[in-house]
Each structure stands twice: as C-alpha cells, then as structure tokens.
PDB file of all heavy atoms in Angstrom:
ATOM      1  N   GLY A   1      -4.322  27.065   0.496  1.00  0.00           N
ATOM      2  CA  GLY A   1      -5.556  26.329   0.748  1.00  0.00           C
ATOM      3  C   GLY A   1      -5.423  24.829   0.673  1.00  0.00           C
ATOM      4  O   GLY A   1      -6.329  24.105   1.061  1.00  0.00           O
ATOM      5  N   SER A   2      -4.303  24.341   0.157  1.00  0.00           N
ATOM      6  CA  SER A   2      -4.098  22.896   0.086  1.00  0.00           C
ATOM      7  C   SER A   2      -3.239  22.457   1.254  1.00  0.00           C
ATOM      8  O   SER A   2      -2.545  23.261   1.860  1.00  0.00           O
ATOM      9  CB  SER A   2      -3.417  22.495  -1.224  1.00  0.00           C
ATOM     10  OG  SER A   2      -2.084  22.962  -1.235  1.00  0.00           O
ATOM     11  N   ARG A   3      -3.298  21.184   1.554  1.00  0.00           N
ATOM     12  CA  ARG A   3      -2.407  20.667   2.582  1.00  0.00           C
ATOM     13  C   ARG A   3      -0.993  20.677   2.026  1.00  0.00           C
ATOM     14  O   ARG A   3      -0.762  20.406   0.853  1.00  0.00           O
ATOM     15  CB  ARG A   3      -2.839  19.264   3.000  1.00  0.00           C
ATOM     16  CG  ARG A   3      -4.212  19.277   3.638  1.00  0.00           C
ATOM     17  CD  ARG A   3      -4.515  18.025   4.399  1.00  0.00           C
ATOM     18  NE  ARG A   3      -4.173  16.831   3.669  1.00  0.00           N
ATOM     19  CZ  ARG A   3      -4.592  15.625   4.022  1.00  0.00           C
ATOM     20  NH1 ARG A   3      -5.352  15.491   5.081  1.00  0.00           N
ATOM     21  NH2 ARG A   3      -4.254  14.555   3.337  1.00  0.00           N
ATOM     22  N   ASP A   4      -0.037  20.931   2.892  1.00  0.00           N
ATOM     23  CA  ASP A   4       1.270  21.341   2.412  1.00  0.00           C
ATOM     24  C   ASP A   4       2.048  20.287   1.648  1.00  0.00           C
ATOM     25  O   ASP A   4       2.949  20.624   0.890  1.00  0.00           O
ATOM     26  CB  ASP A   4       2.112  21.884   3.572  1.00  0.00           C
ATOM     27  CG  ASP A   4       2.233  20.890   4.725  1.00  0.00           C
ATOM     28  OD1 ASP A   4       1.964  19.694   4.512  1.00  0.00           O
ATOM     29  OD2 ASP A   4       2.591  21.326   5.821  1.00  0.00           O
ATOM     30  N   ASP A   5       1.757  19.007   1.826  1.00  0.00           N
ATOM     31  CA  ASP A   5       2.590  18.017   1.148  1.00  0.00           C
ATOM     32  C   ASP A   5       1.757  16.928   0.475  1.00  0.00           C
ATOM     33  O   ASP A   5       2.180  15.797   0.344  1.00  0.00           O
ATOM     34  CB  ASP A   5       3.590  17.397   2.126  1.00  0.00           C
ATOM     35  CG  ASP A   5       2.898  16.783   3.342  1.00  0.00           C
ATOM     36  OD1 ASP A   5       1.655  16.827   3.405  1.00  0.00           O
ATOM     37  OD2 ASP A   5       3.597  16.255   4.215  1.00  0.00           O
ATOM     38  N   ASP A   6       0.551  17.256   0.046  1.00  0.00           N
ATOM     39  CA  ASP A   6      -0.329  16.262  -0.576  1.00  0.00           C
ATOM     40  C   ASP A   6       0.320  15.605  -1.786  1.00  0.00           C
ATOM     41  O   ASP A   6       0.264  14.387  -1.957  1.00  0.00           O
ATOM     42  CB  ASP A   6      -1.651  16.910  -0.999  1.00  0.00           C
ATOM     43  CG  ASP A   6      -2.615  17.028   0.173  1.00  0.00           C
ATOM     44  OD1 ASP A   6      -2.292  16.515   1.254  1.00  0.00           O
ATOM     45  OD2 ASP A   6      -3.692  17.641  -0.003  1.00  0.00           O
ATOM     46  N   ALA A   7       0.913  16.408  -2.680  1.00  0.00           N
ATOM     47  CA  ALA A   7       1.502  15.855  -3.900  1.00  0.00           C
ATOM     48  C   ALA A   7       2.661  14.927  -3.563  1.00  0.00           C
ATOM     49  O   ALA A   7       2.816  13.860  -4.167  1.00  0.00           O
ATOM     50  CB  ALA A   7       1.965  16.991  -4.817  1.00  0.00           C
ATOM     51  N   PHE A   8       3.466  15.324  -2.622  1.00  0.00           N
ATOM     52  CA  PHE A   8       4.596  14.505  -2.194  1.00  0.00           C
ATOM     53  C   PHE A   8       4.109  13.161  -1.659  1.00  0.00           C
ATOM     54  O   PHE A   8       4.598  12.101  -2.049  1.00  0.00           O
ATOM     55  CB  PHE A   8       5.366  15.266  -1.116  1.00  0.00           C
ATOM     56  CG  PHE A   8       6.585  14.540  -0.601  1.00  0.00           C
ATOM     57  CD1 PHE A   8       7.826  14.770  -1.161  1.00  0.00           C
ATOM     58  CD2 PHE A   8       6.483  13.641   0.446  1.00  0.00           C
ATOM     59  CE1 PHE A   8       8.956  14.118  -0.682  1.00  0.00           C
ATOM     60  CE2 PHE A   8       7.604  12.989   0.935  1.00  0.00           C
ATOM     61  CZ  PHE A   8       8.842  13.228   0.368  1.00  0.00           C
ATOM     62  N   MET A   9       3.126  13.187  -0.765  1.00  0.00           N
ATOM     63  CA  MET A   9       2.641  11.957  -0.152  1.00  0.00           C
ATOM     64  C   MET A   9       1.885  11.087  -1.151  1.00  0.00           C
ATOM     65  O   MET A   9       1.931   9.858  -1.084  1.00  0.00           O
ATOM     66  CB  MET A   9       1.751  12.282   1.049  1.00  0.00           C
ATOM     67  CG  MET A   9       2.464  13.063   2.149  1.00  0.00           C
ATOM     68  SD  MET A   9       4.022  12.306   2.681  1.00  0.00           S
ATOM     69  CE  MET A   9       3.411  10.854   3.526  1.00  0.00           C
ATOM     70  N   ARG A  10       1.194  11.729  -2.110  1.00  0.00           N
ATOM     71  CA  ARG A  10       0.490  10.951  -3.125  1.00  0.00           C
ATOM     72  C   ARG A  10       1.477  10.149  -3.965  1.00  0.00           C
ATOM     73  O   ARG A  10       1.264   8.955  -4.229  1.00  0.00           O
ATOM     74  CB  ARG A  10      -0.330  11.871  -4.026  1.00  0.00           C
ATOM     75  CG  ARG A  10      -1.038  11.117  -5.160  1.00  0.00           C
ATOM     76  CD  ARG A  10      -1.841  12.068  -6.035  1.00  0.00           C
ATOM     77  NE  ARG A  10      -2.517  11.325  -7.083  1.00  0.00           N
ATOM     78  CZ  ARG A  10      -1.977  11.021  -8.258  1.00  0.00           C
ATOM     79  NH1 ARG A  10      -0.729  11.422  -8.524  1.00  0.00           N
ATOM     80  NH2 ARG A  10      -2.648  10.341  -9.152  1.00  0.00           N
ATOM     81  N   GLU A  11       2.571  10.772  -4.375  1.00  0.00           N
ATOM     82  CA  GLU A  11       3.532  10.057  -5.202  1.00  0.00           C
ATOM     83  C   GLU A  11       4.216   8.948  -4.411  1.00  0.00           C
ATOM     84  O   GLU A  11       4.458   7.863  -4.925  1.00  0.00           O
ATOM     85  CB  GLU A  11       4.569  11.019  -5.784  1.00  0.00           C
ATOM     86  CG  GLU A  11       5.489  10.324  -6.780  1.00  0.00           C
ATOM     87  CD  GLU A  11       6.202  11.290  -7.681  1.00  0.00           C
ATOM     88  OE1 GLU A  11       5.939  12.510  -7.602  1.00  0.00           O
ATOM     89  OE2 GLU A  11       7.041  10.825  -8.478  1.00  0.00           O
ATOM     90  N   TRP A  12       4.518   9.222  -3.158  1.00  0.00           N
ATOM     91  CA  TRP A  12       5.094   8.187  -2.310  1.00  0.00           C
ATOM     92  C   TRP A  12       4.122   7.003  -2.198  1.00  0.00           C
ATOM     93  O   TRP A  12       4.500   5.848  -2.334  1.00  0.00           O
ATOM     94  CB  TRP A  12       5.394   8.777  -0.935  1.00  0.00           C
ATOM     95  CG  TRP A  12       6.185   7.860  -0.020  1.00  0.00           C
ATOM     96  CD1 TRP A  12       6.609   6.591  -0.282  1.00  0.00           C
ATOM     97  CD2 TRP A  12       6.634   8.158   1.293  1.00  0.00           C
ATOM     98  NE1 TRP A  12       7.295   6.075   0.795  1.00  0.00           N
ATOM     99  CE2 TRP A  12       7.326   7.020   1.775  1.00  0.00           C
ATOM    100  CE3 TRP A  12       6.511   9.266   2.116  1.00  0.00           C
ATOM    101  CZ2 TRP A  12       7.887   6.982   3.050  1.00  0.00           C
ATOM    102  CZ3 TRP A  12       7.086   9.214   3.373  1.00  0.00           C
ATOM    103  CH2 TRP A  12       7.766   8.081   3.832  1.00  0.00           C
ATOM    104  N   GLY A  13       2.838   7.306  -1.976  1.00  0.00           N
ATOM    105  CA  GLY A  13       1.837   6.255  -1.874  1.00  0.00           C
ATOM    106  C   GLY A  13       1.735   5.422  -3.140  1.00  0.00           C
ATOM    107  O   GLY A  13       1.628   4.193  -3.083  1.00  0.00           O
ATOM    108  N   LEU A  14       1.786   6.072  -4.297  1.00  0.00           N
ATOM    109  CA  LEU A  14       1.710   5.344  -5.559  1.00  0.00           C
ATOM    110  C   LEU A  14       2.891   4.388  -5.712  1.00  0.00           C
ATOM    111  O   LEU A  14       2.729   3.246  -6.145  1.00  0.00           O
ATOM    112  CB  LEU A  14       1.678   6.333  -6.729  1.00  0.00           C
ATOM    113  CG  LEU A  14       0.364   7.084  -6.944  1.00  0.00           C
ATOM    114  CD1 LEU A  14       0.559   8.183  -7.980  1.00  0.00           C
ATOM    115  CD2 LEU A  14      -0.738   6.117  -7.391  1.00  0.00           C
ATOM    116  N   ARG A  15       4.069   4.858  -5.365  1.00  0.00           N
ATOM    117  CA  ARG A  15       5.261   4.014  -5.517  1.00  0.00           C
ATOM    118  C   ARG A  15       5.240   2.832  -4.552  1.00  0.00           C
ATOM    119  O   ARG A  15       5.825   1.789  -4.829  1.00  0.00           O
ATOM    120  CB  ARG A  15       6.520   4.857  -5.297  1.00  0.00           C
ATOM    121  CG  ARG A  15       6.746   5.920  -6.364  1.00  0.00           C
ATOM    122  CD  ARG A  15       7.954   6.776  -6.027  1.00  0.00           C
ATOM    123  NE  ARG A  15       9.192   5.998  -6.120  1.00  0.00           N
ATOM    124  CZ  ARG A  15       9.899   5.832  -7.231  1.00  0.00           C
ATOM    125  NH1 ARG A  15       9.493   6.386  -8.357  1.00  0.00           N
ATOM    126  NH2 ARG A  15      11.003   5.131  -7.226  1.00  0.00           N
ATOM    127  N   GLU A  16       4.582   2.984  -3.418  1.00  0.00           N
ATOM    128  CA  GLU A  16       4.493   1.910  -2.424  1.00  0.00           C
ATOM    129  C   GLU A  16       3.200   1.113  -2.552  1.00  0.00           C
ATOM    130  O   GLU A  16       2.913   0.270  -1.706  1.00  0.00           O
ATOM    131  CB  GLU A  16       4.576   2.512  -1.019  1.00  0.00           C
ATOM    132  CG  GLU A  16       5.877   3.205  -0.706  1.00  0.00           C
ATOM    133  CD  GLU A  16       7.026   2.232  -0.512  1.00  0.00           C
ATOM    134  OE1 GLU A  16       6.776   1.115  -0.035  1.00  0.00           O
ATOM    135  OE2 GLU A  16       8.171   2.588  -0.860  1.00  0.00           O
ATOM    136  N   HIS A  17       2.421   1.359  -3.600  1.00  0.00           N
ATOM    137  CA  HIS A  17       1.095   0.747  -3.780  1.00  0.00           C
ATOM    138  C   HIS A  17       0.266   0.915  -2.509  1.00  0.00           C
ATOM    139  O   HIS A  17      -0.390  -0.008  -2.039  1.00  0.00           O
ATOM    140  CB  HIS A  17       1.202  -0.729  -4.169  1.00  0.00           C
ATOM    141  CG  HIS A  17      -0.104  -1.310  -4.638  1.00  0.00           C
ATOM    142  ND1 HIS A  17      -0.792  -0.801  -5.708  1.00  0.00           N
ATOM    143  CD2 HIS A  17      -0.842  -2.353  -4.164  1.00  0.00           C
ATOM    144  CE1 HIS A  17      -1.895  -1.501  -5.881  1.00  0.00           C
ATOM    145  NE2 HIS A  17      -1.954  -2.439  -4.958  1.00  0.00           N
ATOM    146  N   TYR A  18       0.332   2.100  -1.947  1.00  0.00           N
ATOM    147  CA  TYR A  18      -0.447   2.484  -0.764  1.00  0.00           C
ATOM    148  C   TYR A  18      -0.157   1.600   0.445  1.00  0.00           C
ATOM    149  O   TYR A  18      -0.968   1.515   1.375  1.00  0.00           O
ATOM    150  CB  TYR A  18      -1.943   2.478  -1.088  1.00  0.00           C
ATOM    151  CG  TYR A  18      -2.272   3.281  -2.318  1.00  0.00           C
ATOM    152  CD1 TYR A  18      -2.546   2.642  -3.535  1.00  0.00           C
ATOM    153  CD2 TYR A  18      -2.261   4.671  -2.298  1.00  0.00           C
ATOM    154  CE1 TYR A  18      -2.814   3.374  -4.677  1.00  0.00           C
ATOM    155  CE2 TYR A  18      -2.530   5.405  -3.437  1.00  0.00           C
ATOM    156  CZ  TYR A  18      -2.807   4.754  -4.622  1.00  0.00           C
ATOM    157  OH  TYR A  18      -3.069   5.480  -5.754  1.00  0.00           O
ATOM    158  N   GLY A  19       0.997   0.953   0.450  1.00  0.00           N
ATOM    159  CA  GLY A  19       1.369   0.099   1.567  1.00  0.00           C
ATOM    160  C   GLY A  19       0.882  -1.330   1.450  1.00  0.00           C
ATOM    161  O   GLY A  19       1.217  -2.168   2.287  1.00  0.00           O
ATOM    162  N   LEU A  20       0.121  -1.647   0.410  1.00  0.00           N
ATOM    163  CA  LEU A  20      -0.399  -3.010   0.215  1.00  0.00           C
ATOM    164  C   LEU A  20       0.643  -3.781  -0.593  1.00  0.00           C
ATOM    165  O   LEU A  20       0.560  -3.910  -1.813  1.00  0.00           O
ATOM    166  CB  LEU A  20      -1.743  -2.957  -0.516  1.00  0.00           C
ATOM    167  CG  LEU A  20      -2.793  -2.067   0.161  1.00  0.00           C
ATOM    168  CD1 LEU A  20      -4.006  -1.892  -0.730  1.00  0.00           C
ATOM    169  CD2 LEU A  20      -3.191  -2.621   1.518  1.00  0.00           C
ATOM    170  N   THR A  21       1.643  -4.316   0.105  1.00  0.00           N
ATOM    171  CA  THR A  21       2.850  -4.777  -0.573  1.00  0.00           C
ATOM    172  C   THR A  21       2.899  -6.267  -0.856  1.00  0.00           C
ATOM    173  O   THR A  21       3.782  -6.713  -1.585  1.00  0.00           O
ATOM    174  CB  THR A  21       4.085  -4.397   0.263  1.00  0.00           C
ATOM    175  OG1 THR A  21       3.923  -4.887   1.606  1.00  0.00           O
ATOM    176  CG2 THR A  21       4.256  -2.886   0.309  1.00  0.00           C
ATOM    177  N   GLU A  22       2.000  -7.051  -0.289  1.00  0.00           N
ATOM    178  CA  GLU A  22       2.063  -8.490  -0.548  1.00  0.00           C
ATOM    179  C   GLU A  22       0.692  -9.139  -0.371  1.00  0.00           C
ATOM    180  O   GLU A  22      -0.004  -8.885   0.608  1.00  0.00           O
ATOM    181  CB  GLU A  22       3.060  -9.170   0.395  1.00  0.00           C
ATOM    182  CG  GLU A  22       3.239 -10.660   0.128  1.00  0.00           C
ATOM    183  CD  GLU A  22       4.241 -11.327   1.051  1.00  0.00           C
ATOM    184  OE1 GLU A  22       4.767 -10.644   1.960  1.00  0.00           O
ATOM    185  OE2 GLU A  22       4.494 -12.528   0.875  1.00  0.00           O
ATOM    186  N   LEU A  23       0.334  -9.970  -1.328  1.00  0.00           N
ATOM    187  CA  LEU A  23      -0.844 -10.825  -1.256  1.00  0.00           C
ATOM    188  C   LEU A  23      -0.386 -12.245  -1.556  1.00  0.00           C
ATOM    189  O   LEU A  23       0.319 -12.469  -2.536  1.00  0.00           O
ATOM    190  CB  LEU A  23      -1.908 -10.402  -2.282  1.00  0.00           C
ATOM    191  CG  LEU A  23      -2.567  -9.041  -2.082  1.00  0.00           C
ATOM    192  CD1 LEU A  23      -3.352  -8.650  -3.317  1.00  0.00           C
ATOM    193  CD2 LEU A  23      -3.486  -9.074  -0.867  1.00  0.00           C
ATOM    194  N   ARG A  24      -0.784 -13.193  -0.700  1.00  0.00           N
ATOM    195  CA  ARG A  24      -0.301 -14.550  -0.898  1.00  0.00           C
ATOM    196  C   ARG A  24      -1.341 -15.556  -0.419  1.00  0.00           C
ATOM    197  O   ARG A  24      -2.009 -15.345   0.593  1.00  0.00           O
ATOM    198  CB  ARG A  24       0.999 -14.746  -0.127  1.00  0.00           C
ATOM    199  CG  ARG A  24       1.788 -15.936  -0.618  1.00  0.00           C
ATOM    200  CD  ARG A  24       3.162 -16.116  -0.024  1.00  0.00           C
ATOM    201  NE  ARG A  24       3.633 -15.219   0.977  1.00  0.00           N
ATOM    202  CZ  ARG A  24       4.403 -15.634   1.993  1.00  0.00           C
ATOM    203  NH1 ARG A  24       4.724 -16.915   2.123  1.00  0.00           N
ATOM    204  NH2 ARG A  24       4.851 -14.769   2.877  1.00  0.00           N
ATOM    205  N   VAL A  25      -1.460 -16.662  -1.178  1.00  0.00           N
ATOM    206  CA  VAL A  25      -2.270 -17.799  -0.731  1.00  0.00           C
ATOM    207  C   VAL A  25      -1.340 -18.766  -0.018  1.00  0.00           C
ATOM    208  O   VAL A  25      -0.443 -19.350  -0.630  1.00  0.00           O
ATOM    209  CB  VAL A  25      -2.968 -18.498  -1.909  1.00  0.00           C
ATOM    210  CG1 VAL A  25      -3.817 -19.665  -1.395  1.00  0.00           C
ATOM    211  CG2 VAL A  25      -3.840 -17.518  -2.685  1.00  0.00           C
ATOM    212  N   LEU A  26      -1.539 -18.950   1.276  1.00  0.00           N
ATOM    213  CA  LEU A  26      -0.743 -19.877   2.066  1.00  0.00           C
ATOM    214  C   LEU A  26      -1.396 -21.248   2.060  1.00  0.00           C
ATOM    215  O   LEU A  26      -2.593 -21.371   1.776  1.00  0.00           O
ATOM    216  CB  LEU A  26      -0.606 -19.347   3.496  1.00  0.00           C
ATOM    217  CG  LEU A  26       0.011 -17.954   3.616  1.00  0.00           C
ATOM    218  CD1 LEU A  26      -0.073 -17.451   5.048  1.00  0.00           C
ATOM    219  CD2 LEU A  26       1.445 -17.956   3.133  1.00  0.00           C
ATOM    220  N   PRO A  27      -0.652 -22.310   2.348  1.00  0.00           N
ATOM    221  CA  PRO A  27      -1.228 -23.658   2.362  1.00  0.00           C
ATOM    222  C   PRO A  27      -2.476 -23.736   3.238  1.00  0.00           C
ATOM    223  O   PRO A  27      -2.531 -23.143   4.319  1.00  0.00           O
ATOM    224  CB  PRO A  27      -0.094 -24.520   2.921  1.00  0.00           C
ATOM    225  CG  PRO A  27       1.151 -23.793   2.501  1.00  0.00           C
ATOM    226  CD  PRO A  27       0.807 -22.340   2.609  1.00  0.00           C
ATOM    227  N   GLY A  28      -3.476 -24.472   2.742  1.00  0.00           N
ATOM    228  CA  GLY A  28      -4.753 -24.558   3.441  1.00  0.00           C
ATOM    229  C   GLY A  28      -5.682 -23.415   3.114  1.00  0.00           C
ATOM    230  O   GLY A  28      -6.706 -23.216   3.771  1.00  0.00           O
ATOM    231  N   ASN A  29      -5.351 -22.648   2.072  1.00  0.00           N
ATOM    232  CA  ASN A  29      -6.129 -21.479   1.650  1.00  0.00           C
ATOM    233  C   ASN A  29      -6.276 -20.454   2.766  1.00  0.00           C
ATOM    234  O   ASN A  29      -7.327 -19.857   2.957  1.00  0.00           O
ATOM    235  CB  ASN A  29      -7.512 -21.862   1.113  1.00  0.00           C
ATOM    236  CG  ASN A  29      -8.172 -20.702   0.377  1.00  0.00           C
ATOM    237  OD1 ASN A  29      -7.499 -19.840  -0.195  1.00  0.00           O
ATOM    238  ND2 ASN A  29      -9.490 -20.672   0.407  1.00  0.00           N
ATOM    239  N   VAL A  30      -5.200 -20.253   3.523  1.00  0.00           N
ATOM    240  CA  VAL A  30      -5.122 -19.132   4.442  1.00  0.00           C
ATOM    241  C   VAL A  30      -4.549 -17.965   3.640  1.00  0.00           C
ATOM    242  O   VAL A  30      -3.484 -18.085   3.044  1.00  0.00           O
ATOM    243  CB  VAL A  30      -4.228 -19.463   5.649  1.00  0.00           C
ATOM    244  CG1 VAL A  30      -4.077 -18.252   6.556  1.00  0.00           C
ATOM    245  CG2 VAL A  30      -4.800 -20.643   6.424  1.00  0.00           C
ATOM    246  N   ARG A  31      -5.258 -16.846   3.606  1.00  0.00           N
ATOM    247  CA  ARG A  31      -4.850 -15.728   2.757  1.00  0.00           C
ATOM    248  C   ARG A  31      -4.082 -14.687   3.570  1.00  0.00           C
ATOM    249  O   ARG A  31      -4.501 -14.299   4.668  1.00  0.00           O
ATOM    250  CB  ARG A  31      -6.064 -15.074   2.104  1.00  0.00           C
ATOM    251  CG  ARG A  31      -6.874 -16.013   1.189  1.00  0.00           C
ATOM    252  CD  ARG A  31      -6.170 -16.266  -0.129  1.00  0.00           C
ATOM    253  NE  ARG A  31      -6.909 -17.207  -0.966  1.00  0.00           N
ATOM    254  CZ  ARG A  31      -7.712 -16.860  -1.964  1.00  0.00           C
ATOM    255  NH1 ARG A  31      -7.890 -15.576  -2.256  1.00  0.00           N
ATOM    256  NH2 ARG A  31      -8.325 -17.786  -2.684  1.00  0.00           N
ATOM    257  N   LEU A  32      -2.972 -14.214   3.009  1.00  0.00           N
ATOM    258  CA  LEU A  32      -2.095 -13.239   3.665  1.00  0.00           C
ATOM    259  C   LEU A  32      -2.145 -11.908   2.935  1.00  0.00           C
ATOM    260  O   LEU A  32      -2.021 -11.847   1.708  1.00  0.00           O
ATOM    261  CB  LEU A  32      -0.649 -13.757   3.678  1.00  0.00           C
ATOM    262  CG  LEU A  32       0.423 -12.753   4.116  1.00  0.00           C
ATOM    263  CD1 LEU A  32       0.312 -12.470   5.610  1.00  0.00           C
ATOM    264  CD2 LEU A  32       1.818 -13.258   3.769  1.00  0.00           C
ATOM    265  N   LEU A  33      -2.309 -10.826   3.704  1.00  0.00           N
ATOM    266  CA  LEU A  33      -2.175  -9.460   3.200  1.00  0.00           C
ATOM    267  C   LEU A  33      -1.147  -8.753   4.059  1.00  0.00           C
ATOM    268  O   LEU A  33      -1.318  -8.653   5.281  1.00  0.00           O
ATOM    269  CB  LEU A  33      -3.523  -8.725   3.273  1.00  0.00           C
ATOM    270  CG  LEU A  33      -3.481  -7.201   3.056  1.00  0.00           C
ATOM    271  CD1 LEU A  33      -2.923  -6.847   1.687  1.00  0.00           C
ATOM    272  CD2 LEU A  33      -4.871  -6.598   3.258  1.00  0.00           C
ATOM    273  N   ARG A  34      -0.071  -8.282   3.439  1.00  0.00           N
ATOM    274  CA  ARG A  34       0.925  -7.500   4.170  1.00  0.00           C
ATOM    275  C   ARG A  34       0.695  -6.024   3.897  1.00  0.00           C
ATOM    276  O   ARG A  34       0.586  -5.595   2.741  1.00  0.00           O
ATOM    277  CB  ARG A  34       2.346  -7.895   3.760  1.00  0.00           C
ATOM    278  CG  ARG A  34       3.388  -6.934   4.299  1.00  0.00           C
ATOM    279  CD  ARG A  34       4.763  -7.522   4.463  1.00  0.00           C
ATOM    280  NE  ARG A  34       5.736  -6.522   4.854  1.00  0.00           N
ATOM    281  CZ  ARG A  34       5.814  -5.933   6.043  1.00  0.00           C
ATOM    282  NH1 ARG A  34       4.951  -6.260   6.986  1.00  0.00           N
ATOM    283  NH2 ARG A  34       6.730  -5.037   6.303  1.00  0.00           N
ATOM    284  N   ILE A  35       0.613  -5.241   4.976  1.00  0.00           N
ATOM    285  CA  ILE A  35       0.429  -3.795   4.872  1.00  0.00           C
ATOM    286  C   ILE A  35       1.635  -3.138   5.530  1.00  0.00           C
ATOM    287  O   ILE A  35       1.775  -3.154   6.747  1.00  0.00           O
ATOM    288  CB  ILE A  35      -0.877  -3.332   5.538  1.00  0.00           C
ATOM    289  CG1 ILE A  35      -2.074  -4.120   4.987  1.00  0.00           C
ATOM    290  CG2 ILE A  35      -1.081  -1.837   5.325  1.00  0.00           C
ATOM    291  CD1 ILE A  35      -3.396  -3.767   5.625  1.00  0.00           C
TER     292      ILE A  35
END
C-alpha cells in the first residue's frame, strides 16, 4: 500500500536538504537561491 521507495527518497532528500543547497546575498542585495 505504500509507494515502493518513499523511505529511500526521504532519506536522500534529507541529506540533500531537499535540493535547497545554497542561499546567498549578492552585492546590491540581489538574493540567490540554488536548487
């Protein structure tokens, strides 16, 4: 009844911070988000 690899993908997501890998304030207060 569960999707076949939910636990696997959840742990991968946690280790990668869900793909939100970089936050940065660039000069001029331009904000960067890397996904």
